[in-house]
Amino acid sequence: MKKNSHGFTLIELLVVIAIIGVLSTIVLASLNSARAKARDSARASNIKQLTNALFLVADKNGGTFPSSGGTKCLGVDASCWGGAFSGSATLNNA
């Protein structure tokens, strides 16, 4: 007797599902990598903009950078850094 086959076997379906799973894992891994690179690029751009803004402020104020507001810089006593961050720095010695 001849058997008419009008579909896929269970093994064929499982193999296709496994291949789709592997491909989706690869795509998601590369997507996460691209997302991390985009985040790093945005952070580098933000740092560059802050640097440009600080130099514009210093240029407008006769070469003097803004003061940290006292002897504490970011909550740490500036003397532990040799006083490098206390008071105002100028463009010439920065």
N, C-alpha and C. Protein backbone atom coordinates (compact mmCIF):
# COMPACT_ATOMS: atom_id res chain seq x y z
N MET A 1 0.82 -1.18 0.00
CA MET A 1 0.00 0.00 0.00
C MET A 1 0.87 1.25 0.00
N LYS A 2 0.42 2.22 -0.74
CA LYS A 2 1.13 3.49 -0.80
C LYS A 2 0.49 4.46 0.19
N LYS A 3 1.35 5.06 1.00
CA LYS A 3 0.86 6.00 2.02
C LYS A 3 1.04 7.43 1.50
N ASN A 4 0.00 8.22 1.53
CA ASN A 4 0.06 9.62 1.11
C ASN A 4 0.51 10.47 2.30
N SER A 5 1.61 11.16 2.13
CA SER A 5 2.13 12.02 3.20
C SER A 5 1.79 13.47 2.86
N HIS A 6 1.01 14.09 3.71
CA HIS A 6 0.58 15.48 3.47
C HIS A 6 1.05 16.42 4.56
N GLY A 7 2.13 16.15 5.22
CA GLY A 7 2.59 17.02 6.29
C GLY A 7 4.02 16.70 6.67
N PHE A 8 4.43 17.31 7.75
CA PHE A 8 5.78 17.12 8.26
C PHE A 8 5.75 16.13 9.41
N THR A 9 6.86 15.47 9.59
CA THR A 9 6.95 14.55 10.73
C THR A 9 7.30 15.34 11.98
N LEU A 10 7.13 14.73 13.10
CA LEU A 10 7.43 15.38 14.37
C LEU A 10 8.90 15.75 14.46
N ILE A 11 9.77 14.89 14.00
CA ILE A 11 11.22 15.15 14.03
C ILE A 11 11.55 16.37 13.19
N GLU A 12 10.97 16.49 12.01
CA GLU A 12 11.24 17.64 11.16
C GLU A 12 10.78 18.94 11.83
N LEU A 13 9.64 18.92 12.45
CA LEU A 13 9.16 20.12 13.14
C LEU A 13 10.05 20.49 14.31
N LEU A 14 10.51 19.50 15.07
CA LEU A 14 11.39 19.78 16.21
C LEU A 14 12.73 20.34 15.75
N VAL A 15 13.24 19.84 14.63
CA VAL A 15 14.51 20.36 14.10
C VAL A 15 14.34 21.82 13.67
N VAL A 16 13.25 22.14 13.00
CA VAL A 16 13.00 23.52 12.57
C VAL A 16 12.86 24.45 13.78
N ILE A 17 12.17 24.01 14.81
CA ILE A 17 12.00 24.83 16.02
C ILE A 17 13.34 25.05 16.70
N ALA A 18 14.20 24.03 16.74
CA ALA A 18 15.52 24.17 17.35
C ALA A 18 16.38 25.16 16.57
N ILE A 19 16.33 25.09 15.24
CA ILE A 19 17.10 26.02 14.41
C ILE A 19 16.62 27.45 14.63
N ILE A 20 15.33 27.65 14.69
CA ILE A 20 14.78 28.98 14.93
C ILE A 20 15.22 29.50 16.31
N GLY A 21 15.24 28.63 17.29
CA GLY A 21 15.71 29.02 18.63
C GLY A 21 17.16 29.45 18.64
N VAL A 22 18.01 28.72 17.96
CA VAL A 22 19.43 29.06 17.90
C VAL A 22 19.63 30.40 17.17
N LEU A 23 18.94 30.58 16.07
CA LEU A 23 19.07 31.84 15.32
C LEU A 23 18.57 33.03 16.13
N SER A 24 17.48 32.86 16.86
CA SER A 24 16.97 33.98 17.67
C SER A 24 17.94 34.31 18.80
N THR A 25 18.60 33.32 19.36
CA THR A 25 19.60 33.58 20.41
C THR A 25 20.76 34.39 19.86
N ILE A 26 21.22 34.04 18.67
CA ILE A 26 22.32 34.77 18.05
C ILE A 26 21.92 36.21 17.77
N VAL A 27 20.72 36.41 17.27
CA VAL A 27 20.25 37.77 16.95
C VAL A 27 20.12 38.60 18.23
N LEU A 28 19.59 38.03 19.29
CA LEU A 28 19.44 38.78 20.54
C LEU A 28 20.79 39.14 21.15
N ALA A 29 21.77 38.25 21.04
CA ALA A 29 23.10 38.55 21.57
C ALA A 29 23.73 39.72 20.83
N SER A 30 23.61 39.73 19.50
CA SER A 30 24.19 40.84 18.74
C SER A 30 23.41 42.14 18.97
N LEU A 31 22.12 42.03 19.21
CA LEU A 31 21.33 43.22 19.51
C LEU A 31 21.75 43.84 20.83
N ASN A 32 22.01 43.01 21.84
CA ASN A 32 22.47 43.53 23.12
C ASN A 32 23.83 44.19 22.99
N SER A 33 24.70 43.63 22.17
CA SER A 33 26.02 44.23 21.94
C SER A 33 25.87 45.60 21.28
N ALA A 34 25.00 45.69 20.30
CA ALA A 34 24.78 46.98 19.62
C ALA A 34 24.18 48.00 20.58
N ARG A 35 23.31 47.55 21.45
CA ARG A 35 22.71 48.44 22.44
C ARG A 35 23.76 48.99 23.39
N ALA A 36 24.69 48.14 23.81
CA ALA A 36 25.77 48.58 24.71
C ALA A 36 26.68 49.58 24.01
N LYS A 37 26.99 49.35 22.74
CA LYS A 37 27.83 50.29 22.00
C LYS A 37 27.14 51.64 21.85
N ALA A 38 25.84 51.63 21.60
CA ALA A 38 25.09 52.88 21.47
C ALA A 38 25.08 53.64 22.79
N ARG A 39 24.92 52.92 23.90
CA ARG A 39 24.93 53.54 25.22
C ARG A 39 26.29 54.17 25.51
N ASP A 40 27.37 53.46 25.19
CA ASP A 40 28.72 53.98 25.42
C ASP A 40 28.98 55.21 24.56
N SER A 41 28.49 55.19 23.34
CA SER A 41 28.66 56.33 22.45
C SER A 41 27.91 57.55 22.99
N ALA A 42 26.72 57.35 23.49
CA ALA A 42 25.94 58.46 24.06
C ALA A 42 26.64 59.03 25.30
N ARG A 43 27.22 58.16 26.12
CA ARG A 43 27.93 58.64 27.30
C ARG A 43 29.17 59.44 26.92
N ALA A 44 29.91 58.97 25.92
CA ALA A 44 31.09 59.71 25.46
C ALA A 44 30.68 61.08 24.92
N SER A 45 29.57 61.13 24.21
CA SER A 45 29.08 62.40 23.68
C SER A 45 28.69 63.34 24.81
N ASN A 46 28.05 62.82 25.85
CA ASN A 46 27.67 63.66 26.99
C ASN A 46 28.89 64.22 27.70
N ILE A 47 29.93 63.41 27.86
CA ILE A 47 31.16 63.89 28.51
C ILE A 47 31.80 64.99 27.66
N LYS A 48 31.81 64.79 26.35
CA LYS A 48 32.38 65.80 25.45
C LYS A 48 31.60 67.11 25.55
N GLN A 49 30.27 67.05 25.63
CA GLN A 49 29.46 68.26 25.75
C GLN A 49 29.71 68.96 27.08
N LEU A 50 29.85 68.20 28.16
CA LEU A 50 30.14 68.81 29.46
C LEU A 50 31.52 69.48 29.46
N THR A 51 32.49 68.83 28.82
CA THR A 51 33.83 69.41 28.73
C THR A 51 33.78 70.72 27.94
N ASN A 52 33.09 70.71 26.82
CA ASN A 52 32.97 71.94 26.02
C ASN A 52 32.27 73.04 26.81
N ALA A 53 31.24 72.68 27.56
CA ALA A 53 30.52 73.68 28.36
C ALA A 53 31.42 74.28 29.43
N LEU A 54 32.22 73.45 30.10
CA LEU A 54 33.13 73.96 31.13
C LEU A 54 34.17 74.89 30.53
N PHE A 55 34.70 74.55 29.36
CA PHE A 55 35.68 75.43 28.73
C PHE A 55 35.04 76.72 28.25
N LEU A 56 33.79 76.68 27.82
CA LEU A 56 33.10 77.92 27.44
C LEU A 56 32.89 78.83 28.64
N VAL A 57 32.51 78.23 29.78
CA VAL A 57 32.34 79.02 31.00
C VAL A 57 33.67 79.61 31.43
N ALA A 58 34.73 78.82 31.37
CA ALA A 58 36.05 79.31 31.76
C ALA A 58 36.50 80.43 30.83
N ASP A 59 36.24 80.29 29.55
CA ASP A 59 36.63 81.33 28.60
C ASP A 59 35.87 82.63 28.87
N LYS A 60 34.60 82.49 29.22
CA LYS A 60 33.78 83.68 29.50
C LYS A 60 34.22 84.36 30.79
N ASN A 61 34.76 83.61 31.74
CA ASN A 61 35.17 84.15 33.04
C ASN A 61 36.67 84.40 33.12
N GLY A 62 37.28 84.75 32.03
CA GLY A 62 38.69 85.12 32.06
C GLY A 62 39.62 83.95 32.30
N GLY A 63 39.26 82.78 31.88
CA GLY A 63 40.12 81.62 32.02
C GLY A 63 40.00 80.91 33.34
N THR A 64 39.00 81.26 34.16
CA THR A 64 38.83 80.63 35.46
C THR A 64 37.67 79.65 35.41
N PHE A 65 37.96 78.42 35.81
CA PHE A 65 36.92 77.41 35.87
C PHE A 65 36.03 77.68 37.08
N PRO A 66 34.80 77.17 37.10
CA PRO A 66 33.93 77.36 38.25
C PRO A 66 34.49 76.69 39.50
N SER A 67 34.23 77.32 40.63
CA SER A 67 34.70 76.77 41.90
C SER A 67 33.86 75.57 42.29
N SER A 68 34.45 74.69 43.08
CA SER A 68 33.70 73.53 43.56
C SER A 68 32.77 73.91 44.69
N GLY A 69 32.87 75.13 45.17
CA GLY A 69 31.98 75.60 46.23
C GLY A 69 32.56 75.42 47.63
N GLY A 70 33.82 75.13 47.76
CA GLY A 70 34.43 74.97 49.08
C GLY A 70 35.57 73.99 49.03
N THR A 71 35.91 73.47 50.19
CA THR A 71 37.04 72.54 50.25
C THR A 71 36.61 71.11 49.99
N LYS A 72 35.32 70.87 49.88
CA LYS A 72 34.85 69.51 49.60
C LYS A 72 34.46 69.41 48.14
N CYS A 73 34.93 68.37 47.51
CA CYS A 73 34.61 68.11 46.11
C CYS A 73 33.97 66.73 46.04
N LEU A 74 32.71 66.67 45.67
CA LEU A 74 31.97 65.41 45.60
C LEU A 74 31.92 64.72 46.96
N GLY A 75 31.87 65.52 48.03
CA GLY A 75 31.73 64.95 49.36
C GLY A 75 33.03 64.45 49.97
N VAL A 76 34.16 64.68 49.29
CA VAL A 76 35.45 64.23 49.79
C VAL A 76 36.31 65.44 50.04
N ASP A 77 37.07 65.42 51.13
CA ASP A 77 37.95 66.53 51.45
C ASP A 77 38.99 66.67 50.34
N ALA A 78 39.08 67.87 49.75
CA ALA A 78 39.97 68.09 48.62
C ALA A 78 41.44 68.01 49.01
N SER A 79 41.75 68.11 50.30
CA SER A 79 43.15 68.04 50.70
C SER A 79 43.74 66.66 50.45
N CYS A 80 42.88 65.63 50.36
CA CYS A 80 43.40 64.29 50.09
C CYS A 80 43.91 64.17 48.67
N TRP A 81 43.56 65.14 47.81
CA TRP A 81 44.07 65.16 46.44
C TRP A 81 45.16 66.22 46.28
N GLY A 82 45.72 66.63 47.36
CA GLY A 82 46.77 67.65 47.29
C GLY A 82 46.22 69.02 47.00
N GLY A 83 44.94 69.26 47.29
CA GLY A 83 44.35 70.56 47.06
C GLY A 83 44.11 70.88 45.60
N ALA A 84 44.20 69.89 44.74
CA ALA A 84 44.06 70.14 43.30
C ALA A 84 42.66 70.60 42.94
N PHE A 85 41.66 70.27 43.74
CA PHE A 85 40.29 70.62 43.41
C PHE A 85 39.71 71.67 44.33
N SER A 86 40.51 72.28 45.16
CA SER A 86 39.96 73.32 46.05
C SER A 86 40.07 74.66 45.35
N GLY A 87 39.06 75.48 45.57
CA GLY A 87 39.05 76.80 44.96
C GLY A 87 38.83 76.73 43.47
N SER A 88 39.42 77.67 42.75
CA SER A 88 39.23 77.75 41.30
C SER A 88 40.53 77.44 40.59
N ALA A 89 40.42 76.73 39.50
CA ALA A 89 41.57 76.48 38.64
C ALA A 89 41.49 77.42 37.45
N THR A 90 42.60 77.68 36.81
CA THR A 90 42.58 78.51 35.62
C THR A 90 42.99 77.67 34.42
N LEU A 91 42.76 78.23 33.24
CA LEU A 91 43.10 77.51 32.01
C LEU A 91 44.60 77.27 31.90
N ASN A 92 45.40 78.17 32.48
CA ASN A 92 46.86 78.06 32.32
C ASN A 92 47.45 76.91 33.14
N ASN A 93 46.87 76.62 34.31
CA ASN A 93 47.45 75.56 35.15
C ASN A 93 46.59 74.33 35.23
N ALA A 94 45.57 74.21 34.39
CA ALA A 94 44.68 73.06 34.46
C ALA A 94 45.21 71.87 33.71
